[in-house]
Amino acid sequence: MTRAWRWIALLGFLLKEIVVSALGVAWLVVQPRLRLRPAFIEYPLTVTTDVQITLLANMITLTPGTLSVDVSDDRRTLLIHALDVADLEVLIGRIAAGFETRILGVTR
């Protein structure tokens, strides 16, 4: 797959995640009882360059229900706030397999 196609795939994946997350947040909001499980997550970064970290942080922030808060001084951890975390390991795995893998594919 060429780099251009990897960028298109990354943008398509981001759009899908935005739509799915927006629907998920909307569903949470319309429930009669608001049962949120908010959490701050220390996400271990695989991406290393400033461009990669910035791209990941911005994509996470663009996705409804999540917000990138800070990057550690050693640039190994990204602090993320999530609106509803049922399983921490699942969320970390989804970010790693989804956004991070695709970012590495387009920036290397």
N, C-alpha and C. Protein backbone atom coordinates (compact mmCIF):
# COMPACT_ATOMS: atom_id res chain seq x y z
N MET A 1 0.85 -1.17 0.00
CA MET A 1 0.00 0.00 0.00
C MET A 1 0.90 1.24 0.00
N THR A 2 0.59 2.18 -0.85
CA THR A 2 1.41 3.39 -0.93
C THR A 2 1.11 4.30 0.26
N ARG A 3 2.01 5.25 0.48
CA ARG A 3 1.85 6.18 1.60
C ARG A 3 0.56 6.98 1.46
N ALA A 4 0.22 7.39 0.24
CA ALA A 4 -1.02 8.16 0.02
C ALA A 4 -2.24 7.35 0.45
N TRP A 5 -2.26 6.08 0.11
CA TRP A 5 -3.39 5.22 0.51
C TRP A 5 -3.43 5.01 2.02
N ARG A 6 -2.26 4.95 2.65
CA ARG A 6 -2.23 4.82 4.11
C ARG A 6 -2.79 6.08 4.78
N TRP A 7 -2.49 7.27 4.21
CA TRP A 7 -3.08 8.51 4.73
C TRP A 7 -4.60 8.50 4.56
N ILE A 8 -5.06 8.06 3.40
CA ILE A 8 -6.51 7.98 3.16
C ILE A 8 -7.15 7.00 4.13
N ALA A 9 -6.49 5.87 4.36
CA ALA A 9 -7.02 4.88 5.30
C ALA A 9 -7.05 5.44 6.72
N LEU A 10 -6.02 6.20 7.10
CA LEU A 10 -5.98 6.83 8.42
C LEU A 10 -7.13 7.83 8.58
N LEU A 11 -7.34 8.65 7.57
CA LEU A 11 -8.44 9.63 7.64
C LEU A 11 -9.80 8.93 7.67
N GLY A 12 -9.95 7.87 6.88
CA GLY A 12 -11.19 7.10 6.92
C GLY A 12 -11.43 6.48 8.28
N PHE A 13 -10.37 5.93 8.87
CA PHE A 13 -10.48 5.35 10.21
C PHE A 13 -10.87 6.41 11.23
N LEU A 14 -10.24 7.59 11.14
CA LEU A 14 -10.57 8.68 12.05
C LEU A 14 -12.04 9.08 11.91
N LEU A 15 -12.51 9.23 10.70
CA LEU A 15 -13.92 9.60 10.49
C LEU A 15 -14.86 8.55 11.07
N LYS A 16 -14.53 7.28 10.85
CA LYS A 16 -15.36 6.20 11.42
C LYS A 16 -15.37 6.28 12.94
N GLU A 17 -14.20 6.49 13.55
CA GLU A 17 -14.12 6.58 15.01
C GLU A 17 -14.90 7.78 15.55
N ILE A 18 -14.86 8.90 14.83
CA ILE A 18 -15.60 10.08 15.25
C ILE A 18 -17.10 9.79 15.24
N VAL A 19 -17.58 9.17 14.17
CA VAL A 19 -19.02 8.86 14.07
C VAL A 19 -19.44 7.86 15.13
N VAL A 20 -18.69 6.77 15.27
CA VAL A 20 -19.04 5.74 16.25
C VAL A 20 -19.00 6.32 17.67
N SER A 21 -17.99 7.10 17.97
CA SER A 21 -17.88 7.70 19.30
C SER A 21 -18.98 8.72 19.56
N ALA A 22 -19.31 9.51 18.54
CA ALA A 22 -20.39 10.49 18.70
C ALA A 22 -21.71 9.80 18.99
N LEU A 23 -21.97 8.70 18.30
CA LEU A 23 -23.19 7.94 18.57
C LEU A 23 -23.17 7.34 19.97
N GLY A 24 -22.01 6.86 20.39
CA GLY A 24 -21.88 6.30 21.74
C GLY A 24 -22.11 7.35 22.82
N VAL A 25 -21.55 8.54 22.65
CA VAL A 25 -21.73 9.62 23.62
C VAL A 25 -23.20 10.07 23.62
N ALA A 26 -23.79 10.17 22.44
CA ALA A 26 -25.20 10.55 22.36
C ALA A 26 -26.08 9.53 23.09
N TRP A 27 -25.77 8.26 22.92
CA TRP A 27 -26.52 7.21 23.61
C TRP A 27 -26.37 7.33 25.12
N LEU A 28 -25.17 7.62 25.60
CA LEU A 28 -24.96 7.80 27.04
C LEU A 28 -25.79 8.96 27.58
N VAL A 29 -25.86 10.03 26.81
CA VAL A 29 -26.54 11.24 27.26
C VAL A 29 -28.05 11.05 27.34
N VAL A 30 -28.63 10.28 26.46
CA VAL A 30 -30.09 10.13 26.45
C VAL A 30 -30.61 9.05 27.40
N GLN A 31 -29.72 8.36 28.05
CA GLN A 31 -30.15 7.33 29.00
C GLN A 31 -30.84 7.98 30.20
N PRO A 32 -31.87 7.34 30.73
CA PRO A 32 -32.57 7.91 31.89
C PRO A 32 -31.67 8.09 33.11
N ARG A 33 -30.77 7.16 33.32
CA ARG A 33 -29.81 7.26 34.42
C ARG A 33 -28.42 7.39 33.82
N LEU A 34 -27.77 8.47 34.14
CA LEU A 34 -26.43 8.71 33.62
C LEU A 34 -25.44 7.89 34.44
N ARG A 35 -24.91 6.85 33.82
CA ARG A 35 -23.97 5.96 34.51
C ARG A 35 -22.61 6.01 33.81
N LEU A 36 -21.93 7.08 34.00
CA LEU A 36 -20.63 7.25 33.39
C LEU A 36 -19.53 6.68 34.27
N ARG A 37 -18.48 6.24 33.64
CA ARG A 37 -17.29 5.76 34.35
C ARG A 37 -16.09 6.55 33.83
N PRO A 38 -16.02 7.85 34.18
CA PRO A 38 -14.91 8.66 33.68
C PRO A 38 -13.60 8.23 34.30
N ALA A 39 -12.53 8.44 33.55
CA ALA A 39 -11.21 8.04 34.06
C ALA A 39 -10.11 8.82 33.35
N PHE A 40 -9.03 9.04 34.10
CA PHE A 40 -7.79 9.51 33.50
C PHE A 40 -6.94 8.28 33.24
N ILE A 41 -6.37 8.22 32.04
CA ILE A 41 -5.61 7.06 31.62
C ILE A 41 -4.19 7.50 31.29
N GLU A 42 -3.22 6.80 31.81
CA GLU A 42 -1.83 7.03 31.42
C GLU A 42 -1.52 6.04 30.30
N TYR A 43 -1.56 6.56 29.08
CA TYR A 43 -1.40 5.73 27.89
C TYR A 43 0.09 5.63 27.52
N PRO A 44 0.65 4.42 27.46
CA PRO A 44 2.06 4.25 27.09
C PRO A 44 2.25 4.45 25.58
N LEU A 45 3.04 5.43 25.21
CA LEU A 45 3.22 5.77 23.80
C LEU A 45 4.19 4.84 23.10
N THR A 46 3.83 4.47 21.89
CA THR A 46 4.73 3.77 20.98
C THR A 46 5.32 4.77 19.99
N VAL A 47 4.50 5.76 19.62
CA VAL A 47 4.99 6.81 18.74
C VAL A 47 6.04 7.63 19.48
N THR A 48 7.01 8.17 18.76
CA THR A 48 8.13 8.82 19.44
C THR A 48 8.40 10.26 19.00
N THR A 49 8.11 10.59 17.74
CA THR A 49 8.44 11.93 17.26
C THR A 49 7.37 12.93 17.67
N ASP A 50 7.73 14.21 17.65
CA ASP A 50 6.76 15.25 17.98
C ASP A 50 5.56 15.20 17.05
N VAL A 51 5.79 14.99 15.77
CA VAL A 51 4.70 14.93 14.79
C VAL A 51 3.76 13.76 15.10
N GLN A 52 4.32 12.61 15.39
CA GLN A 52 3.50 11.43 15.69
C GLN A 52 2.69 11.63 16.97
N ILE A 53 3.33 12.16 18.00
CA ILE A 53 2.64 12.38 19.28
C ILE A 53 1.53 13.42 19.11
N THR A 54 1.82 14.49 18.39
CA THR A 54 0.82 15.53 18.16
C THR A 54 -0.36 15.00 17.36
N LEU A 55 -0.07 14.22 16.34
CA LEU A 55 -1.13 13.63 15.52
C LEU A 55 -2.02 12.71 16.35
N LEU A 56 -1.40 11.86 17.17
CA LEU A 56 -2.17 10.96 18.03
C LEU A 56 -3.01 11.75 19.04
N ALA A 57 -2.39 12.71 19.70
CA ALA A 57 -3.12 13.50 20.70
C ALA A 57 -4.30 14.24 20.08
N ASN A 58 -4.10 14.79 18.90
CA ASN A 58 -5.20 15.51 18.24
C ASN A 58 -6.30 14.57 17.78
N MET A 59 -5.95 13.41 17.29
CA MET A 59 -6.97 12.46 16.86
C MET A 59 -7.80 11.97 18.05
N ILE A 60 -7.14 11.75 19.17
CA ILE A 60 -7.85 11.34 20.38
C ILE A 60 -8.80 12.45 20.83
N THR A 61 -8.33 13.69 20.79
CA THR A 61 -9.16 14.82 21.21
C THR A 61 -10.33 15.03 20.26
N LEU A 62 -10.15 14.79 18.98
CA LEU A 62 -11.24 14.94 18.01
C LEU A 62 -12.33 13.88 18.18
N THR A 63 -11.98 12.77 18.79
CA THR A 63 -12.94 11.69 18.99
C THR A 63 -13.81 12.00 20.20
N PRO A 64 -15.13 12.12 20.01
CA PRO A 64 -16.01 12.46 21.15
C PRO A 64 -15.86 11.48 22.31
N GLY A 65 -15.82 12.05 23.51
CA GLY A 65 -15.72 11.24 24.72
C GLY A 65 -14.31 11.07 25.22
N THR A 66 -13.32 11.55 24.47
CA THR A 66 -11.94 11.45 24.90
C THR A 66 -11.23 12.79 24.71
N LEU A 67 -10.22 13.02 25.54
CA LEU A 67 -9.48 14.27 25.49
C LEU A 67 -8.03 14.01 25.89
N SER A 68 -7.10 14.41 25.05
CA SER A 68 -5.69 14.34 25.41
C SER A 68 -5.39 15.51 26.34
N VAL A 69 -4.79 15.22 27.48
CA VAL A 69 -4.58 16.23 28.50
C VAL A 69 -3.12 16.69 28.57
N ASP A 70 -2.17 15.74 28.54
CA ASP A 70 -0.77 16.10 28.72
C ASP A 70 0.12 14.97 28.21
N VAL A 71 1.35 15.35 27.88
CA VAL A 71 2.38 14.38 27.52
C VAL A 71 3.45 14.47 28.60
N SER A 72 3.92 13.32 29.06
CA SER A 72 4.96 13.33 30.10
C SER A 72 6.23 13.97 29.57
N ASP A 73 7.06 14.43 30.48
CA ASP A 73 8.31 15.09 30.10
C ASP A 73 9.23 14.17 29.29
N ASP A 74 9.20 12.88 29.58
CA ASP A 74 10.04 11.94 28.84
C ASP A 74 9.38 11.47 27.54
N ARG A 75 8.18 11.97 27.25
CA ARG A 75 7.42 11.67 26.02
C ARG A 75 7.13 10.18 25.85
N ARG A 76 6.94 9.49 26.96
CA ARG A 76 6.60 8.07 26.91
C ARG A 76 5.16 7.79 27.30
N THR A 77 4.48 8.81 27.86
CA THR A 77 3.12 8.61 28.35
C THR A 77 2.25 9.78 27.94
N LEU A 78 1.04 9.46 27.49
CA LEU A 78 0.05 10.47 27.15
C LEU A 78 -1.08 10.34 28.16
N LEU A 79 -1.41 11.44 28.82
CA LEU A 79 -2.52 11.44 29.77
C LEU A 79 -3.80 11.74 29.00
N ILE A 80 -4.76 10.85 29.12
CA ILE A 80 -6.02 10.95 28.39
C ILE A 80 -7.16 10.93 29.40
N HIS A 81 -8.17 11.77 29.18
CA HIS A 81 -9.40 11.67 29.96
C HIS A 81 -10.45 11.05 29.05
N ALA A 82 -11.13 10.03 29.56
CA ALA A 82 -12.19 9.36 28.81
C ALA A 82 -13.48 9.46 29.61
N LEU A 83 -14.56 9.70 28.90
CA LEU A 83 -15.87 9.91 29.52
C LEU A 83 -16.43 8.63 30.14
N ASP A 84 -16.21 7.50 29.48
CA ASP A 84 -16.79 6.25 29.96
C ASP A 84 -15.82 5.10 29.66
N VAL A 85 -15.18 4.59 30.70
CA VAL A 85 -14.20 3.52 30.55
C VAL A 85 -14.72 2.26 31.23
N ALA A 86 -15.15 1.32 30.43
CA ALA A 86 -15.61 0.04 30.97
C ALA A 86 -14.43 -0.87 31.27
N ASP A 87 -13.44 -0.87 30.36
CA ASP A 87 -12.27 -1.74 30.51
C ASP A 87 -11.04 -0.98 30.02
N LEU A 88 -10.16 -0.66 30.93
CA LEU A 88 -8.97 0.13 30.63
C LEU A 88 -8.09 -0.54 29.58
N GLU A 89 -7.85 -1.83 29.72
CA GLU A 89 -6.99 -2.55 28.78
C GLU A 89 -7.57 -2.57 27.37
N VAL A 90 -8.89 -2.68 27.27
CA VAL A 90 -9.53 -2.67 25.96
C VAL A 90 -9.34 -1.31 25.29
N LEU A 91 -9.52 -0.24 26.05
CA LEU A 91 -9.34 1.10 25.50
C LEU A 91 -7.90 1.31 25.04
N ILE A 92 -6.94 0.93 25.85
CA ILE A 92 -5.53 1.07 25.47
C ILE A 92 -5.23 0.24 24.22
N GLY A 93 -5.75 -0.95 24.15
CA GLY A 93 -5.55 -1.80 22.98
C GLY A 93 -6.17 -1.23 21.73
N ARG A 94 -7.35 -0.62 21.85
CA ARG A 94 -8.01 -0.01 20.69
C ARG A 94 -7.22 1.18 20.16
N ILE A 95 -6.68 1.98 21.06
CA ILE A 95 -5.88 3.13 20.63
C ILE A 95 -4.59 2.64 19.95
N ALA A 96 -3.94 1.65 20.56
CA ALA A 96 -2.69 1.13 20.01
C ALA A 96 -2.91 0.48 18.64
N ALA A 97 -3.92 -0.36 18.55
CA ALA A 97 -4.17 -1.08 17.29
C ALA A 97 -4.79 -0.18 16.23
N GLY A 98 -5.50 0.84 16.66
CA GLY A 98 -6.17 1.71 15.71
C GLY A 98 -5.32 2.90 15.31
N PHE A 99 -5.32 3.92 16.15
CA PHE A 99 -4.64 5.16 15.81
C PHE A 99 -3.13 5.01 15.71
N GLU A 100 -2.51 4.44 16.73
CA GLU A 100 -1.04 4.40 16.75
C GLU A 100 -0.46 3.59 15.58
N THR A 101 -1.02 2.44 15.32
CA THR A 101 -0.53 1.60 14.23
C THR A 101 -0.64 2.33 12.90
N ARG A 102 -1.75 3.00 12.68
CA ARG A 102 -1.94 3.73 11.43
C ARG A 102 -1.04 4.96 11.34
N ILE A 103 -0.84 5.64 12.45
CA ILE A 103 0.06 6.81 12.45
C ILE A 103 1.48 6.36 12.12
N LEU A 104 1.91 5.27 12.72
CA LEU A 104 3.25 4.76 12.41
C LEU A 104 3.36 4.37 10.94
N GLY A 105 2.28 3.86 10.38
CA GLY A 105 2.28 3.46 8.97
C GLY A 105 2.44 4.64 8.01
N VAL A 106 1.92 5.79 8.38
CA VAL A 106 2.01 6.93 7.47
C VAL A 106 3.23 7.81 7.72
N THR A 107 3.85 7.68 8.88
CA THR A 107 4.97 8.57 9.21
C THR A 107 6.33 7.90 9.11
N ARG A 108 6.37 6.65 8.83
CA ARG A 108 7.68 5.97 8.70
C ARG A 108 7.99 5.66 7.26
